[in-house]
């Protein structure tokens, strides 16, 4: 790509004031030597000035309200996912401790309490997994 072609691509950005100092210097030097690019830059500058004089549109109250509700819903979903992850970790630790107690009680002396503790651990683990991966928490099933 020649310098002329690369500068032509920068003319609109120069008119909008979006170039860094080095690019702007390159455009100004080229425009000083190239009448065609100077005319194009003048056109872009006139267009940029005309656009800047137009009133800026304001979003409707309904759009602002809907956007705020969507942002709040997304924040709630993410917060629910974090809560579910933390609850899952605590439930897992609790279940492991309960299961260790239950299975230790079964090995040393099979009692109703040990068997109930082991089954309770399995039931709590299942419930915890179902809760953690529910769709509202952003789990697997979205």
Protein backbone atom coordinates (compact mmCIF):
# COMPACT_ATOMS: atom_id res chain seq x y z
CA UNK A 1 0.00 0.00 0.00
CA UNK A 2 1.41 3.37 -0.99
CA UNK A 3 1.60 6.35 1.33
CA UNK A 4 -1.15 8.05 -0.67
CA UNK A 5 -3.53 5.11 -0.14
CA UNK A 6 -2.74 4.82 3.56
CA UNK A 7 -3.27 8.56 4.11
CA UNK A 8 -6.59 8.47 2.20
CA UNK A 9 -7.83 5.94 4.75
CA UNK A 10 -6.91 8.32 7.58
CA UNK A 11 -8.59 11.46 6.20
CA UNK A 12 -12.02 10.92 7.79
CA UNK A 13 -10.43 10.02 11.13
CA UNK A 14 -8.31 13.15 10.93
CA UNK A 15 -11.40 15.31 10.32
CA UNK A 16 -13.07 13.74 13.36
CA UNK A 17 -9.97 14.36 15.51
CA UNK A 18 -9.38 10.66 16.19
CA UNK A 19 -5.75 10.30 15.11
CA UNK A 20 -2.71 10.26 17.35
CA UNK A 21 -0.03 12.95 16.87
CA UNK A 22 2.15 10.88 14.52
CA UNK A 23 -0.71 9.94 12.20
CA UNK A 24 -2.02 13.50 12.21
CA UNK A 25 1.42 14.82 11.26
CA UNK A 26 1.60 12.28 8.40
CA UNK A 27 -1.81 13.39 7.11
CA UNK A 28 -0.94 17.10 7.34
CA UNK A 29 2.37 16.61 5.48
CA UNK A 30 0.68 14.59 2.72
CA UNK A 31 -2.25 17.01 2.39
CA UNK A 32 0.26 19.83 1.93
CA UNK A 33 1.57 18.06 -1.19
CA UNK A 34 -1.56 16.36 -2.58
CA UNK A 35 -4.42 18.55 -3.81
CA UNK A 36 -6.84 15.61 -4.14
CA UNK A 37 -6.38 14.54 -0.49
CA UNK A 38 -6.56 18.19 0.62
CA UNK A 39 -9.95 18.51 -1.10
CA UNK A 40 -11.14 15.24 0.44
CA UNK A 41 -10.01 16.39 3.89
CA UNK A 42 -11.86 19.70 3.43
CA UNK A 43 -15.03 17.76 2.53
CA UNK A 44 -14.65 15.54 5.62
CA UNK A 45 -14.04 18.59 7.82
CA UNK A 46 -17.22 20.27 6.51
CA UNK A 47 -19.19 17.06 7.08
CA UNK A 48 -17.76 16.67 10.59
CA UNK A 49 -18.63 20.29 11.45
CA UNK A 50 -22.18 19.81 10.14
CA UNK A 51 -22.66 16.61 12.12
CA UNK A 52 -21.40 18.20 15.31
CA UNK A 53 -24.05 20.94 14.98
CA UNK A 54 -26.91 18.41 14.92
CA UNK A 55 -28.76 17.88 18.18
CA UNK A 56 -27.82 14.71 20.03
CA UNK A 57 -30.77 12.34 20.30
CA UNK A 58 -31.93 11.42 23.79
CA UNK A 59 -33.10 7.88 24.50
CA UNK A 60 -36.74 7.46 25.40
CA UNK A 61 -37.69 6.90 29.03
CA UNK A 62 -39.00 3.46 28.10
CA UNK A 63 -35.64 2.47 26.59
CA UNK A 64 -33.77 3.69 29.66
CA UNK A 65 -36.16 1.82 31.94
CA UNK A 66 -35.94 -1.45 29.97
CA UNK A 67 -32.15 -1.24 29.81
CA UNK A 68 -31.92 -0.65 33.57
CA UNK A 69 -34.19 -3.65 34.20
CA UNK A 70 -32.11 -5.88 31.92
CA UNK A 71 -28.89 -4.80 33.64
CA UNK A 72 -30.41 -5.45 37.07
CA UNK A 73 -31.66 -8.88 35.98
CA UNK A 74 -28.20 -9.80 34.68
CA UNK A 75 -26.60 -8.64 37.95
CA UNK A 76 -29.12 -10.72 39.93
CA UNK A 77 -28.41 -13.77 37.75
CA UNK A 78 -24.68 -13.46 38.28
CA UNK A 79 -25.12 -12.92 42.02
CA UNK A 80 -27.35 -16.01 42.18
CA UNK A 81 -24.72 -18.04 40.34
CA UNK A 82 -22.03 -16.95 42.80
CA UNK A 83 -24.30 -17.75 45.74
CA UNK A 84 -25.07 -21.17 44.28
CA UNK A 85 -21.38 -21.94 43.81
CA UNK A 86 -20.54 -20.95 47.40
CA UNK A 87 -23.54 -22.89 48.74
CA UNK A 88 -22.43 -25.93 46.74
CA UNK A 89 -18.96 -25.82 48.24
CA UNK A 90 -20.30 -25.56 51.78
CA UNK A 91 -22.82 -28.33 51.09
CA UNK A 92 -20.07 -30.55 49.71
CA UNK A 93 -17.90 -30.06 52.79
CA UNK A 94 -20.88 -30.73 55.06
CA UNK A 95 -21.84 -33.83 53.10
CA UNK A 96 -18.32 -35.20 53.17
CA UNK A 97 -18.10 -34.71 56.92
CA UNK A 98 -21.53 -36.25 57.44
CA UNK A 99 -20.72 -39.16 55.14
CA UNK A 100 -17.39 -39.77 56.87
CA UNK A 101 -19.17 -39.88 60.22
CA UNK A 102 -21.90 -42.15 58.87
CA UNK A 103 -19.57 -44.61 57.17
CA UNK A 104 -17.20 -44.63 60.14
CA UNK A 105 -20.15 -45.42 62.39
CA UNK A 106 -21.26 -48.21 60.03
CA UNK A 107 -17.76 -49.76 59.91
CA UNK A 108 -17.17 -49.70 63.65
CA UNK A 109 -20.64 -50.77 64.63
CA UNK A 110 -23.59 -50.78 62.23
CA UNK A 111 -26.22 -48.64 63.87
CA UNK A 112 -29.34 -46.97 62.66
CA UNK A 113 -27.75 -43.56 63.29
CA UNK A 114 -24.75 -44.35 61.07
CA UNK A 115 -26.91 -45.67 58.25
CA UNK A 116 -29.26 -42.68 58.49
CA UNK A 117 -26.28 -40.30 58.47
CA UNK A 118 -24.86 -41.93 55.34
CA UNK A 119 -28.21 -41.77 53.50
CA UNK A 120 -28.79 -38.20 54.70
CA UNK A 121 -25.40 -37.24 53.30
CA UNK A 122 -26.31 -38.69 49.92
CA UNK A 123 -29.72 -36.97 49.94
CA UNK A 124 -28.22 -33.60 50.88
CA UNK A 125 -25.60 -33.96 48.16
CA UNK A 126 -28.30 -34.62 45.57
CA UNK A 127 -30.39 -31.66 46.71
CA UNK A 128 -27.34 -29.39 46.75
CA UNK A 129 -26.41 -30.34 43.21
CA UNK A 130 -29.96 -29.83 41.98
CA UNK A 131 -30.07 -26.39 43.62
CA UNK A 132 -26.65 -25.31 42.39
CA UNK A 133 -27.26 -26.25 38.79
CA UNK A 134 -30.81 -24.97 38.44
CA UNK A 135 -31.39 -22.72 35.42
CA UNK A 136 -32.07 -19.58 37.50
CA UNK A 137 -28.55 -19.75 38.94
CA UNK A 138 -26.99 -19.86 35.50
CA UNK A 139 -26.06 -23.52 35.87
CA UNK A 140 -25.68 -26.14 33.21
CA UNK A 141 -29.29 -25.98 32.03
CA UNK A 142 -29.76 -22.48 30.65
